[in-house]
Amino acid sequence: MKKVAVILSGCGVYDGSEIHEAVLTLLALARSGATVTCIAPDITQKHVVDHSKGEVMLDEDRNILQEAARISRGEIIPLDQVHAHQFDAFIYVGGYGAAKNLSSFAFDGPAYDVDPATMSLIQSAHEASLPQGFMCIAPVLAACALGIHGVQLTIGNDPATAAAISAKGAQHVECGVGGIVIDADNKVISTPAYMLAENLLEAESGINQLVKSVLQFA
């Protein structure tokens, strides 16, 4: 039975993990029979967004781990307590949290960096030749961490984001909403998910393929 870590960045598309992507990922892994552990940084998220209005709530702070635990039904491990050798594979869920909490991409654009603990985990998993999946905007994490290896990634077809990925040394590959891009040499799989999806069914197609491919490499 494969042990898979799912990395979350909060709860809610505008300031954390995209909930639909997270649940679809967990469902696909459950159907595969994998043992799943949810992981998130135990730090304060960059800001809090009122999802009913799309507005930043200036006077409110929330913890990324505590928010992500809403998705995992309370069972979650702090990211800084995780080591690559504990798992067979890793999957990074999208949502603005990946671009705000796990990296600074949403704020800094092409000059972004990645949270040090997240960067270390991605690089350690790569060094151990463990498969990693990235969906939606999360491929920017892999681009920064693994760009030196020329990793192939997709976020769909957004030119600005693709250019930012390429600026890190990664190779962006255009991909439709239901597809995946497999970099077999680096054991990295990516899919556009809600970078392109307009509904649950469109997101599910690519996520299911990503999960299946990650497990095949594990």
N, C-alpha and C. Protein backbone atom coordinates (compact mmCIF):
# COMPACT_ATOMS: atom_id res chain seq x y z
N MET A 1 0.84 -1.19 0.00
CA MET A 1 0.00 0.00 0.00
C MET A 1 0.88 1.25 0.00
N LYS A 2 0.67 2.12 -0.97
CA LYS A 2 1.50 3.30 -1.12
C LYS A 2 1.12 4.37 -0.10
N LYS A 3 2.14 5.03 0.45
CA LYS A 3 1.94 6.12 1.40
C LYS A 3 2.13 7.45 0.66
N VAL A 4 1.07 8.23 0.62
CA VAL A 4 1.08 9.47 -0.16
C VAL A 4 0.83 10.66 0.76
N ALA A 5 1.65 11.67 0.63
CA ALA A 5 1.46 12.93 1.36
C ALA A 5 0.76 13.93 0.45
N VAL A 6 -0.28 14.54 0.96
CA VAL A 6 -1.00 15.60 0.24
C VAL A 6 -0.71 16.92 0.95
N ILE A 7 -0.09 17.84 0.24
CA ILE A 7 0.32 19.10 0.85
C ILE A 7 -0.74 20.15 0.60
N LEU A 8 -1.24 20.72 1.70
CA LEU A 8 -2.29 21.74 1.66
C LEU A 8 -1.71 23.09 2.10
N SER A 9 -2.43 24.16 1.77
CA SER A 9 -1.92 25.51 2.06
C SER A 9 -2.98 26.39 2.70
N GLY A 10 -3.93 25.77 3.39
CA GLY A 10 -5.04 26.50 3.99
C GLY A 10 -6.35 25.90 3.54
N CYS A 11 -7.40 26.69 3.58
CA CYS A 11 -8.73 26.19 3.23
C CYS A 11 -9.53 27.28 2.52
N GLY A 12 -9.64 27.17 1.22
CA GLY A 12 -10.39 28.15 0.45
C GLY A 12 -9.57 28.67 -0.71
N VAL A 13 -10.16 28.73 -1.88
CA VAL A 13 -9.42 29.01 -3.11
C VAL A 13 -8.67 30.33 -3.09
N TYR A 14 -9.21 31.36 -2.45
CA TYR A 14 -8.61 32.69 -2.56
C TYR A 14 -7.46 32.94 -1.58
N ASP A 15 -7.35 32.13 -0.52
CA ASP A 15 -6.27 32.35 0.43
C ASP A 15 -5.66 31.05 0.95
N GLY A 16 -6.07 29.91 0.38
CA GLY A 16 -5.57 28.61 0.84
C GLY A 16 -5.68 27.58 -0.26
N SER A 17 -5.91 26.34 0.12
CA SER A 17 -6.07 25.26 -0.86
C SER A 17 -7.43 25.33 -1.54
N GLU A 18 -7.46 25.00 -2.83
CA GLU A 18 -8.71 24.89 -3.56
C GLU A 18 -9.43 23.65 -3.05
N ILE A 19 -10.56 23.83 -2.41
CA ILE A 19 -11.21 22.73 -1.70
C ILE A 19 -11.65 21.62 -2.66
N HIS A 20 -12.20 21.99 -3.80
CA HIS A 20 -12.63 20.97 -4.75
C HIS A 20 -11.45 20.12 -5.20
N GLU A 21 -10.32 20.76 -5.50
CA GLU A 21 -9.13 20.01 -5.90
C GLU A 21 -8.67 19.08 -4.79
N ALA A 22 -8.69 19.59 -3.57
CA ALA A 22 -8.24 18.78 -2.44
C ALA A 22 -9.12 17.55 -2.26
N VAL A 23 -10.42 17.74 -2.30
CA VAL A 23 -11.35 16.62 -2.09
C VAL A 23 -11.27 15.63 -3.24
N LEU A 24 -11.17 16.12 -4.46
CA LEU A 24 -11.05 15.21 -5.60
C LEU A 24 -9.76 14.39 -5.51
N THR A 25 -8.69 15.02 -5.05
CA THR A 25 -7.43 14.31 -4.87
C THR A 25 -7.55 13.24 -3.80
N LEU A 26 -8.12 13.60 -2.66
CA LEU A 26 -8.29 12.64 -1.57
C LEU A 26 -9.21 11.49 -1.99
N LEU A 27 -10.25 11.79 -2.76
CA LEU A 27 -11.17 10.75 -3.23
C LEU A 27 -10.46 9.78 -4.18
N ALA A 28 -9.69 10.32 -5.12
CA ALA A 28 -8.97 9.47 -6.07
C ALA A 28 -7.95 8.59 -5.34
N LEU A 29 -7.28 9.14 -4.34
CA LEU A 29 -6.32 8.35 -3.58
C LEU A 29 -7.02 7.27 -2.75
N ALA A 30 -8.17 7.61 -2.18
CA ALA A 30 -8.93 6.62 -1.40
C ALA A 30 -9.36 5.46 -2.29
N ARG A 31 -9.81 5.78 -3.49
CA ARG A 31 -10.25 4.73 -4.42
C ARG A 31 -9.08 3.84 -4.84
N SER A 32 -7.88 4.39 -4.83
CA SER A 32 -6.70 3.62 -5.24
C SER A 32 -6.20 2.71 -4.13
N GLY A 33 -6.67 2.94 -2.89
CA GLY A 33 -6.22 2.16 -1.76
C GLY A 33 -4.97 2.69 -1.09
N ALA A 34 -4.54 3.89 -1.48
CA ALA A 34 -3.34 4.48 -0.89
C ALA A 34 -3.60 4.92 0.55
N THR A 35 -2.55 4.95 1.34
CA THR A 35 -2.60 5.53 2.68
C THR A 35 -2.23 7.01 2.56
N VAL A 36 -3.11 7.88 3.01
CA VAL A 36 -2.95 9.31 2.77
C VAL A 36 -2.68 10.06 4.07
N THR A 37 -1.72 10.97 4.02
CA THR A 37 -1.44 11.88 5.13
C THR A 37 -1.47 13.30 4.61
N CYS A 38 -2.26 14.16 5.26
CA CYS A 38 -2.31 15.57 4.87
C CYS A 38 -1.27 16.35 5.66
N ILE A 39 -0.66 17.31 4.99
CA ILE A 39 0.45 18.08 5.55
C ILE A 39 0.22 19.56 5.23
N ALA A 40 0.62 20.44 6.15
CA ALA A 40 0.54 21.88 5.90
C ALA A 40 1.52 22.60 6.81
N PRO A 41 1.98 23.77 6.40
CA PRO A 41 2.87 24.56 7.27
C PRO A 41 2.11 25.05 8.51
N ASP A 42 2.78 25.03 9.64
CA ASP A 42 2.17 25.53 10.88
C ASP A 42 2.60 26.98 11.08
N ILE A 43 2.13 27.84 10.18
CA ILE A 43 2.48 29.26 10.19
C ILE A 43 1.23 30.07 9.84
N THR A 44 1.31 31.37 10.06
CA THR A 44 0.19 32.26 9.74
C THR A 44 0.11 32.48 8.24
N GLN A 45 -1.11 32.39 7.67
CA GLN A 45 -1.24 32.62 6.24
C GLN A 45 -1.09 34.11 5.93
N LYS A 46 -0.79 34.41 4.67
CA LYS A 46 -0.44 35.77 4.29
C LYS A 46 -1.57 36.76 4.54
N HIS A 47 -2.79 36.38 4.23
CA HIS A 47 -3.96 37.19 4.57
C HIS A 47 -5.21 36.31 4.50
N VAL A 48 -6.31 36.85 4.96
CA VAL A 48 -7.57 36.12 4.99
C VAL A 48 -8.54 36.81 4.04
N VAL A 49 -9.21 36.02 3.21
CA VAL A 49 -10.15 36.56 2.23
C VAL A 49 -11.57 36.12 2.58
N ASP A 50 -12.49 37.07 2.58
CA ASP A 50 -13.91 36.76 2.71
C ASP A 50 -14.36 36.18 1.37
N HIS A 51 -14.59 34.87 1.34
CA HIS A 51 -14.91 34.21 0.08
C HIS A 51 -16.29 34.58 -0.48
N SER A 52 -17.14 35.16 0.33
CA SER A 52 -18.45 35.58 -0.16
C SER A 52 -18.37 36.91 -0.91
N LYS A 53 -17.29 37.67 -0.65
CA LYS A 53 -17.13 38.98 -1.29
C LYS A 53 -15.84 39.12 -2.08
N GLY A 54 -14.89 38.21 -1.84
CA GLY A 54 -13.60 38.32 -2.50
C GLY A 54 -12.73 39.42 -1.95
N GLU A 55 -13.01 39.84 -0.72
CA GLU A 55 -12.28 40.96 -0.12
C GLU A 55 -11.35 40.49 0.98
N VAL A 56 -10.19 41.13 1.08
CA VAL A 56 -9.24 40.82 2.15
C VAL A 56 -9.76 41.36 3.47
N MET A 57 -9.71 40.51 4.50
CA MET A 57 -10.15 40.90 5.84
C MET A 57 -8.91 41.36 6.61
N LEU A 58 -8.69 42.65 6.67
CA LEU A 58 -7.44 43.22 7.15
C LEU A 58 -7.15 42.93 8.61
N ASP A 59 -8.17 42.76 9.42
CA ASP A 59 -7.98 42.61 10.86
C ASP A 59 -8.03 41.16 11.34
N GLU A 60 -7.95 40.21 10.41
CA GLU A 60 -8.06 38.80 10.80
C GLU A 60 -6.82 38.01 10.38
N ASP A 61 -6.34 37.15 11.29
CA ASP A 61 -5.23 36.25 11.01
C ASP A 61 -5.70 34.81 11.18
N ARG A 62 -5.18 33.91 10.35
CA ARG A 62 -5.49 32.50 10.49
C ARG A 62 -4.23 31.67 10.27
N ASN A 63 -4.21 30.51 10.91
CA ASN A 63 -3.08 29.59 10.81
C ASN A 63 -3.32 28.61 9.67
N ILE A 64 -2.31 28.42 8.82
CA ILE A 64 -2.46 27.57 7.65
C ILE A 64 -2.78 26.13 8.03
N LEU A 65 -2.08 25.60 9.02
CA LEU A 65 -2.31 24.22 9.46
C LEU A 65 -3.73 24.05 9.99
N GLN A 66 -4.17 24.97 10.83
CA GLN A 66 -5.51 24.89 11.41
C GLN A 66 -6.59 24.98 10.34
N GLU A 67 -6.38 25.83 9.36
CA GLU A 67 -7.35 25.95 8.27
C GLU A 67 -7.37 24.70 7.40
N ALA A 68 -6.18 24.18 7.07
CA ALA A 68 -6.10 22.97 6.24
C ALA A 68 -6.73 21.78 6.94
N ALA A 69 -6.68 21.76 8.27
CA ALA A 69 -7.28 20.66 9.04
C ALA A 69 -8.78 20.57 8.84
N ARG A 70 -9.41 21.66 8.39
CA ARG A 70 -10.84 21.61 8.07
C ARG A 70 -11.09 20.64 6.91
N ILE A 71 -10.16 20.60 5.98
CA ILE A 71 -10.29 19.71 4.82
C ILE A 71 -9.98 18.27 5.21
N SER A 72 -8.96 18.10 6.04
CA SER A 72 -8.50 16.75 6.40
C SER A 72 -9.24 16.16 7.59
N ARG A 73 -10.29 16.84 8.04
CA ARG A 73 -11.09 16.38 9.18
C ARG A 73 -10.23 16.22 10.44
N GLY A 74 -9.28 17.15 10.60
CA GLY A 74 -8.50 17.22 11.82
C GLY A 74 -7.19 16.47 11.81
N GLU A 75 -7.02 15.52 10.90
CA GLU A 75 -5.80 14.72 10.87
C GLU A 75 -4.79 15.36 9.92
N ILE A 76 -3.76 15.98 10.50
CA ILE A 76 -2.79 16.71 9.69
C ILE A 76 -1.47 16.81 10.44
N ILE A 77 -0.37 16.90 9.68
CA ILE A 77 0.97 16.95 10.25
C ILE A 77 1.65 18.24 9.81
N PRO A 78 2.35 18.92 10.71
CA PRO A 78 3.10 20.13 10.32
C PRO A 78 4.17 19.80 9.28
N LEU A 79 4.29 20.65 8.31
CA LEU A 79 5.23 20.43 7.21
C LEU A 79 6.66 20.30 7.69
N ASP A 80 7.04 21.07 8.71
CA ASP A 80 8.44 21.03 9.15
C ASP A 80 8.79 19.76 9.94
N GLN A 81 7.80 18.89 10.16
CA GLN A 81 8.06 17.62 10.82
C GLN A 81 8.11 16.45 9.83
N VAL A 82 8.02 16.76 8.55
CA VAL A 82 7.94 15.73 7.52
C VAL A 82 9.29 15.56 6.82
N HIS A 83 9.64 14.30 6.55
CA HIS A 83 10.85 13.99 5.79
C HIS A 83 10.46 13.15 4.58
N ALA A 84 11.14 13.38 3.48
CA ALA A 84 10.77 12.73 2.22
C ALA A 84 10.73 11.21 2.34
N HIS A 85 11.64 10.62 3.11
CA HIS A 85 11.73 9.16 3.17
C HIS A 85 10.53 8.51 3.86
N GLN A 86 9.66 9.33 4.48
CA GLN A 86 8.48 8.78 5.17
C GLN A 86 7.36 8.40 4.21
N PHE A 87 7.46 8.83 2.94
CA PHE A 87 6.37 8.62 1.99
C PHE A 87 6.88 8.06 0.67
N ASP A 88 5.92 7.53 -0.09
CA ASP A 88 6.24 7.00 -1.42
C ASP A 88 5.98 8.02 -2.52
N ALA A 89 5.18 9.05 -2.22
CA ALA A 89 4.82 10.04 -3.23
C ALA A 89 4.24 11.28 -2.55
N PHE A 90 4.23 12.39 -3.30
CA PHE A 90 3.74 13.66 -2.78
C PHE A 90 2.85 14.32 -3.82
N ILE A 91 1.76 14.94 -3.36
CA ILE A 91 0.88 15.67 -4.26
C ILE A 91 0.59 17.05 -3.66
N TYR A 92 0.80 18.08 -4.46
CA TYR A 92 0.58 19.47 -4.04
C TYR A 92 -0.70 19.99 -4.68
N VAL A 93 -1.66 20.35 -3.82
CA VAL A 93 -2.96 20.86 -4.27
C VAL A 93 -2.82 22.34 -4.62
N GLY A 94 -3.63 22.80 -5.57
CA GLY A 94 -3.59 24.19 -5.99
C GLY A 94 -4.45 25.11 -5.12
N GLY A 95 -4.84 26.22 -5.68
CA GLY A 95 -5.49 27.28 -4.92
C GLY A 95 -4.49 28.40 -4.67
N TYR A 96 -4.99 29.59 -4.38
CA TYR A 96 -4.09 30.73 -4.18
C TYR A 96 -3.14 30.54 -3.01
N GLY A 97 -3.46 29.62 -2.10
CA GLY A 97 -2.55 29.35 -0.99
C GLY A 97 -1.19 28.89 -1.47
N ALA A 98 -1.15 28.15 -2.58
CA ALA A 98 0.14 27.72 -3.14
C ALA A 98 0.94 28.91 -3.64
N ALA A 99 0.24 29.95 -4.07
CA ALA A 99 0.89 31.14 -4.62
C ALA A 99 1.06 32.24 -3.58
N LYS A 100 0.44 32.07 -2.40
CA LYS A 100 0.53 33.09 -1.36
C LYS A 100 1.22 32.58 -0.10
N ASN A 101 0.92 31.35 0.28
CA ASN A 101 1.43 30.79 1.53
C ASN A 101 2.64 29.88 1.34
N LEU A 102 2.63 29.10 0.27
CA LEU A 102 3.76 28.21 -0.01
C LEU A 102 4.80 28.88 -0.89
N SER A 103 4.43 29.99 -1.49
CA SER A 103 5.36 30.78 -2.30
C SER A 103 4.89 32.23 -2.29
N SER A 104 5.66 33.10 -2.92
CA SER A 104 5.27 34.51 -3.02
C SER A 104 4.84 34.86 -4.43
N PHE A 105 4.49 33.86 -5.23
CA PHE A 105 4.18 34.09 -6.65
C PHE A 105 3.06 35.11 -6.84
N ALA A 106 2.02 35.04 -6.02
CA ALA A 106 0.88 35.95 -6.19
C ALA A 106 1.27 37.41 -5.96
N PHE A 107 2.32 37.63 -5.19
CA PHE A 107 2.74 38.98 -4.85
C PHE A 107 3.94 39.45 -5.67
N ASP A 108 4.85 38.54 -5.98
CA ASP A 108 6.12 38.92 -6.60
C ASP A 108 6.24 38.53 -8.07
N GLY A 109 5.28 37.79 -8.61
CA GLY A 109 5.36 37.39 -10.01
C GLY A 109 6.62 36.58 -10.30
N PRO A 110 7.27 36.83 -11.44
CA PRO A 110 8.44 36.03 -11.84
C PRO A 110 9.60 36.07 -10.85
N ALA A 111 9.62 37.07 -9.96
CA ALA A 111 10.71 37.18 -8.98
C ALA A 111 10.38 36.43 -7.69
N TYR A 112 9.37 35.59 -7.71
CA TYR A 112 8.90 34.90 -6.51
C TYR A 112 9.92 33.91 -5.96
N ASP A 113 9.73 33.59 -4.68
CA ASP A 113 10.48 32.51 -4.07
C ASP A 113 9.50 31.54 -3.41
N VAL A 114 10.00 30.44 -2.89
CA VAL A 114 9.17 29.40 -2.28
C VAL A 114 9.53 29.28 -0.81
N ASP A 115 8.50 29.03 0.01
CA ASP A 115 8.70 28.80 1.44
C ASP A 115 9.83 27.78 1.63
N PRO A 116 10.81 28.08 2.49
CA PRO A 116 11.98 27.20 2.63
C PRO A 116 11.66 25.75 2.96
N ALA A 117 10.69 25.51 3.85
CA ALA A 117 10.35 24.13 4.20
C ALA A 117 9.73 23.40 3.01
N THR A 118 8.91 24.10 2.24
CA THR A 118 8.31 23.51 1.04
C THR A 118 9.38 23.21 0.00
N MET A 119 10.27 24.16 -0.20
CA MET A 119 11.38 23.99 -1.15
C MET A 119 12.21 22.77 -0.78
N SER A 120 12.54 22.65 0.51
CA SER A 120 13.37 21.55 0.97
C SER A 120 12.70 20.21 0.74
N LEU A 121 11.39 20.14 1.00
CA LEU A 121 10.67 18.87 0.82
C LEU A 121 10.64 18.47 -0.65
N ILE A 122 10.36 19.41 -1.53
CA ILE A 122 10.32 19.11 -2.96
C ILE A 122 11.69 18.62 -3.44
N GLN A 123 12.73 19.30 -3.03
CA GLN A 123 14.07 18.92 -3.47
C GLN A 123 14.51 17.59 -2.87
N SER A 124 14.15 17.35 -1.61
CA SER A 124 14.51 16.08 -0.97
C SER A 124 13.80 14.91 -1.63
N ALA A 125 12.53 15.09 -1.96
CA ALA A 125 11.79 14.04 -2.65
C ALA A 125 12.38 13.76 -4.02
N HIS A 126 12.79 14.82 -4.69
CA HIS A 126 13.40 14.64 -6.01
C HIS A 126 14.72 13.89 -5.90
N GLU A 127 15.53 14.25 -4.91
CA GLU A 127 16.81 13.57 -4.71
C GLU A 127 16.62 12.10 -4.39
N ALA A 128 15.49 11.78 -3.74
CA ALA A 128 15.19 10.38 -3.40
C ALA A 128 14.45 9.66 -4.52
N SER A 129 14.28 10.34 -5.66
CA SER A 129 13.61 9.78 -6.83
C SER A 129 12.18 9.36 -6.53
N LEU A 130 11.48 10.19 -5.73
CA LEU A 130 10.09 9.94 -5.39
C LEU A 130 9.18 10.77 -6.29
N PRO A 131 8.06 10.21 -6.75
CA PRO A 131 7.16 10.97 -7.64
C PRO A 131 6.43 12.09 -6.90
N GLN A 132 6.21 13.19 -7.64
CA GLN A 132 5.52 14.34 -7.09
C GLN A 132 4.51 14.86 -8.11
N GLY A 133 3.31 15.17 -7.63
CA GLY A 133 2.26 15.71 -8.48
C GLY A 133 1.96 17.15 -8.08
N PHE A 134 1.72 18.00 -9.09
CA PHE A 134 1.43 19.41 -8.86
C PHE A 134 0.24 19.81 -9.73
N MET A 135 -0.77 20.43 -9.14
CA MET A 135 -1.96 20.82 -9.91
C MET A 135 -2.25 22.31 -9.79
N CYS A 136 -2.99 22.81 -10.78
CA CYS A 136 -3.44 24.20 -10.79
C CYS A 136 -2.21 25.12 -10.81
N ILE A 137 -2.05 26.02 -9.84
CA ILE A 137 -0.93 26.94 -9.79
C ILE A 137 0.27 26.34 -9.06
N ALA A 138 0.11 25.18 -8.42
CA ALA A 138 1.19 24.57 -7.64
C ALA A 138 2.44 24.25 -8.46
N PRO A 139 2.36 24.03 -9.78
CA PRO A 139 3.61 23.81 -10.53
C PRO A 139 4.64 24.93 -10.40
N VAL A 140 4.23 26.14 -9.99
CA VAL A 140 5.23 27.19 -9.78
C VAL A 140 6.19 26.79 -8.66
N LEU A 141 5.71 25.97 -7.72
CA LEU A 141 6.57 25.49 -6.64
C LEU A 141 7.67 24.60 -7.20
N ALA A 142 7.27 23.68 -8.06
CA ALA A 142 8.23 22.76 -8.67
C ALA A 142 9.20 23.50 -9.59
N ALA A 143 8.72 24.52 -10.29
CA ALA A 143 9.58 25.29 -11.19
C ALA A 143 10.72 25.94 -10.42
N CYS A 144 10.40 26.51 -9.27
CA CYS A 144 11.42 27.18 -8.46
C CYS A 144 12.37 26.17 -7.83
N ALA A 145 11.82 25.06 -7.34
CA ALA A 145 12.63 24.07 -6.63
C ALA A 145 13.45 23.19 -7.57
N LEU A 146 12.91 22.93 -8.76
CA LEU A 146 13.54 21.95 -9.66
C LEU A 146 13.88 22.51 -11.03
N GLY A 147 13.78 23.82 -11.17
CA GLY A 147 14.07 24.43 -12.47
C GLY A 147 15.47 24.13 -12.97
N ILE A 148 16.40 23.98 -12.07
CA ILE A 148 17.78 23.67 -12.44
C ILE A 148 17.87 22.34 -13.19
N HIS A 149 16.89 21.47 -12.98
CA HIS A 149 16.86 20.17 -13.66
C HIS A 149 16.05 20.22 -14.96
N GLY A 150 15.57 21.42 -15.32
CA GLY A 150 14.79 21.55 -16.55
C GLY A 150 13.47 20.81 -16.50
N VAL A 151 12.86 20.73 -15.33
CA VAL A 151 11.63 19.97 -15.16
C VAL A 151 10.53 20.45 -16.09
N GLN A 152 9.77 19.52 -16.65
CA GLN A 152 8.64 19.83 -17.52
C GLN A 152 7.37 19.93 -16.69
N LEU A 153 6.61 21.03 -16.91
CA LEU A 153 5.43 21.31 -16.10
C LEU A 153 4.34 21.94 -16.96
N THR A 154 3.10 21.92 -16.42
CA THR A 154 2.02 22.66 -17.08
C THR A 154 1.16 23.36 -16.05
N ILE A 155 0.69 24.53 -16.41
CA ILE A 155 -0.39 25.20 -15.68
C ILE A 155 -1.56 25.43 -16.64
N GLY A 156 -1.47 24.80 -17.82
CA GLY A 156 -2.51 24.97 -18.83
C GLY A 156 -1.96 25.76 -19.99
N ASN A 157 -2.40 27.02 -20.11
CA ASN A 157 -1.94 27.81 -21.26
C ASN A 157 -1.82 29.31 -20.97
N ASP A 158 -1.80 29.70 -19.70
CA ASP A 158 -1.69 31.12 -19.37
C ASP A 158 -0.28 31.61 -19.70
N PRO A 159 -0.13 32.58 -20.62
CA PRO A 159 1.20 32.99 -21.08
C PRO A 159 2.08 33.59 -19.97
N ALA A 160 1.50 34.42 -19.11
CA ALA A 160 2.30 35.08 -18.07
C ALA A 160 2.84 34.08 -17.06
N THR A 161 2.00 33.15 -16.63
CA THR A 161 2.44 32.14 -15.67
C THR A 161 3.44 31.19 -16.30
N ALA A 162 3.20 30.83 -17.55
CA ALA A 162 4.13 29.96 -18.27
C ALA A 162 5.50 30.64 -18.39
N ALA A 163 5.51 31.94 -18.64
CA ALA A 163 6.78 32.67 -18.75
C ALA A 163 7.51 32.70 -17.42
N ALA A 164 6.76 32.85 -16.33
CA ALA A 164 7.38 32.86 -15.00
C ALA A 164 8.00 31.51 -14.68
N ILE A 165 7.33 30.44 -15.07
CA ILE A 165 7.86 29.09 -14.89
C ILE A 165 9.14 28.90 -15.69
N SER A 166 9.11 29.34 -16.93
CA SER A 166 10.28 29.20 -17.80
C SER A 166 11.47 30.02 -17.29
N ALA A 167 11.16 31.16 -16.66
CA ALA A 167 12.23 32.01 -16.12
C ALA A 167 13.00 31.33 -15.00
N LYS A 168 12.39 30.33 -14.37
CA LYS A 168 13.07 29.57 -13.31
C LYS A 168 13.90 28.41 -13.87
N GLY A 169 13.86 28.22 -15.19
CA GLY A 169 14.62 27.14 -15.81
C GLY A 169 13.78 25.93 -16.16
N ALA A 170 12.51 25.94 -15.77
CA ALA A 170 11.63 24.82 -16.08
C ALA A 170 11.12 24.94 -17.52
N GLN A 171 10.56 23.85 -18.02
CA GLN A 171 9.98 23.85 -19.37
C GLN A 171 8.46 23.78 -19.26
N HIS A 172 7.78 24.83 -19.71
CA HIS A 172 6.32 24.78 -19.66
C HIS A 172 5.78 24.09 -20.90
N VAL A 173 4.80 23.20 -20.70
CA VAL A 173 4.15 22.47 -21.78
C VAL A 173 2.66 22.77 -21.73
N GLU A 174 2.12 23.31 -22.81
CA GLU A 174 0.68 23.60 -22.85
C GLU A 174 -0.11 22.30 -22.74
N CYS A 175 -1.25 22.38 -22.04
CA CYS A 175 -2.03 21.17 -21.77
C CYS A 175 -3.49 21.55 -21.60
N GLY A 176 -4.38 20.71 -22.08
CA GLY A 176 -5.81 20.92 -21.90
C GLY A 176 -6.25 20.58 -20.50
N VAL A 177 -7.46 20.98 -20.17
CA VAL A 177 -7.96 20.84 -18.80
C VAL A 177 -8.01 19.39 -18.32
N GLY A 178 -8.27 18.46 -19.22
CA GLY A 178 -8.41 17.07 -18.81
C GLY A 178 -7.14 16.26 -18.91
N GLY A 179 -6.04 16.91 -19.26
CA GLY A 179 -4.80 16.18 -19.49
C GLY A 179 -3.78 16.35 -18.37
N ILE A 180 -2.66 15.68 -18.55
CA ILE A 180 -1.53 15.80 -17.61
C ILE A 180 -0.24 15.89 -18.42
N VAL A 181 0.79 16.43 -17.79
CA VAL A 181 2.12 16.43 -18.37
C VAL A 181 3.01 15.59 -17.46
N ILE A 182 3.66 14.60 -18.04
CA ILE A 182 4.51 13.69 -17.29
C ILE A 182 5.96 13.93 -17.64
N ASP A 183 6.76 14.29 -16.64
CA ASP A 183 8.20 14.37 -16.79
C ASP A 183 8.76 13.10 -16.14
N ALA A 184 8.97 12.09 -16.94
CA ALA A 184 9.37 10.79 -16.41
C ALA A 184 10.76 10.84 -15.77
N ASP A 185 11.67 11.63 -16.34
CA ASP A 185 13.02 11.69 -15.81
C ASP A 185 13.04 12.26 -14.39
N ASN A 186 12.23 13.27 -14.16
CA ASN A 186 12.18 13.90 -12.84
C ASN A 186 11.04 13.38 -11.96
N LYS A 187 10.24 12.47 -12.51
CA LYS A 187 9.10 11.91 -11.79
C LYS A 187 8.17 13.01 -11.26
N VAL A 188 7.86 13.95 -12.13
CA VAL A 188 6.96 15.06 -11.81
C VAL A 188 5.78 15.03 -12.78
N ILE A 189 4.58 15.08 -12.22
CA ILE A 189 3.35 15.07 -13.01
C ILE A 189 2.56 16.32 -12.66
N SER A 190 2.00 16.97 -13.67
CA SER A 190 1.22 18.18 -13.42
C SER A 190 -0.03 18.21 -14.28
N THR A 191 -1.03 18.97 -13.82
CA THR A 191 -2.30 19.10 -14.54
C THR A 191 -2.87 20.49 -14.25
N PRO A 192 -3.59 21.08 -15.21
CA PRO A 192 -4.10 22.45 -15.02
C PRO A 192 -5.17 22.59 -13.95
N ALA A 193 -6.00 21.56 -13.77
CA ALA A 193 -7.10 21.64 -12.80
C ALA A 193 -7.85 22.98 -12.97
N TYR A 194 -8.03 23.72 -11.87
CA TYR A 194 -8.85 24.94 -11.95
C TYR A 194 -8.13 26.14 -12.56
N MET A 195 -6.94 25.97 -13.07
CA MET A 195 -6.37 27.00 -13.93
C MET A 195 -7.17 27.08 -15.23
N LEU A 196 -7.82 25.96 -15.59
CA LEU A 196 -8.64 25.92 -16.79
C LEU A 196 -10.05 25.40 -16.54
N ALA A 197 -10.22 24.56 -15.55
CA ALA A 197 -11.52 23.89 -15.33
C ALA A 197 -12.64 24.90 -15.04
N GLU A 198 -13.79 24.63 -15.58
CA GLU A 198 -14.96 25.46 -15.34
C GLU A 198 -15.98 24.76 -14.46
N ASN A 199 -15.71 23.50 -14.11
CA ASN A 199 -16.61 22.77 -13.22
C ASN A 199 -15.88 21.58 -12.62
N LEU A 200 -16.55 20.90 -11.69
CA LEU A 200 -15.95 19.77 -10.99
C LEU A 200 -15.54 18.64 -11.92
N LEU A 201 -16.38 18.35 -12.90
CA LEU A 201 -16.09 17.23 -13.78
C LEU A 201 -14.83 17.47 -14.60
N GLU A 202 -14.64 18.71 -15.06
CA GLU A 202 -13.44 19.01 -15.82
C GLU A 202 -12.21 18.90 -14.94
N ALA A 203 -12.30 19.39 -13.72
CA ALA A 203 -11.17 19.29 -12.80
C ALA A 203 -10.87 17.84 -12.45
N GLU A 204 -11.92 17.06 -12.26
CA GLU A 204 -11.75 15.66 -11.84
C GLU A 204 -10.97 14.85 -12.87
N SER A 205 -11.20 15.09 -14.13
CA SER A 205 -10.56 14.29 -15.17
C SER A 205 -9.04 14.35 -15.07
N GLY A 206 -8.48 15.55 -15.02
CA GLY A 206 -7.04 15.69 -14.94
C GLY A 206 -6.47 15.23 -13.61
N ILE A 207 -7.21 15.52 -12.52
CA ILE A 207 -6.73 15.12 -11.19
C ILE A 207 -6.68 13.60 -11.08
N ASN A 208 -7.69 12.92 -11.60
CA ASN A 208 -7.69 11.46 -11.56
C ASN A 208 -6.48 10.89 -12.31
N GLN A 209 -6.18 11.48 -13.47
CA GLN A 209 -5.03 11.02 -14.24
C GLN A 209 -3.73 11.30 -13.50
N LEU A 210 -3.65 12.47 -12.87
CA LEU A 210 -2.45 12.81 -12.12
C LEU A 210 -2.21 11.81 -10.99
N VAL A 211 -3.25 11.53 -10.22
CA VAL A 211 -3.13 10.58 -9.11
C VAL A 211 -2.70 9.21 -9.61
N LYS A 212 -3.32 8.76 -10.69
CA LYS A 212 -2.98 7.45 -11.24
C LYS A 212 -1.51 7.41 -11.67
N SER A 213 -1.05 8.47 -12.33
CA SER A 213 0.32 8.49 -12.80
C SER A 213 1.32 8.57 -11.64
N VAL A 214 1.02 9.39 -10.65
CA VAL A 214 1.90 9.48 -9.48
C VAL A 214 2.06 8.11 -8.83
N LEU A 215 0.97 7.39 -8.67
CA LEU A 215 1.02 6.08 -8.02
C LEU A 215 1.76 5.05 -8.89
N GLN A 216 1.69 5.20 -10.19
CA GLN A 216 2.43 4.28 -11.05
C GLN A 216 3.94 4.44 -10.90
N PHE A 217 4.36 5.66 -10.60
CA PHE A 217 5.79 5.93 -10.40
C PHE A 217 6.24 5.55 -9.00
N ALA A 218 5.30 5.44 -8.07
CA ALA A 218 5.67 5.20 -6.66
C ALA A 218 6.15 3.77 -6.43
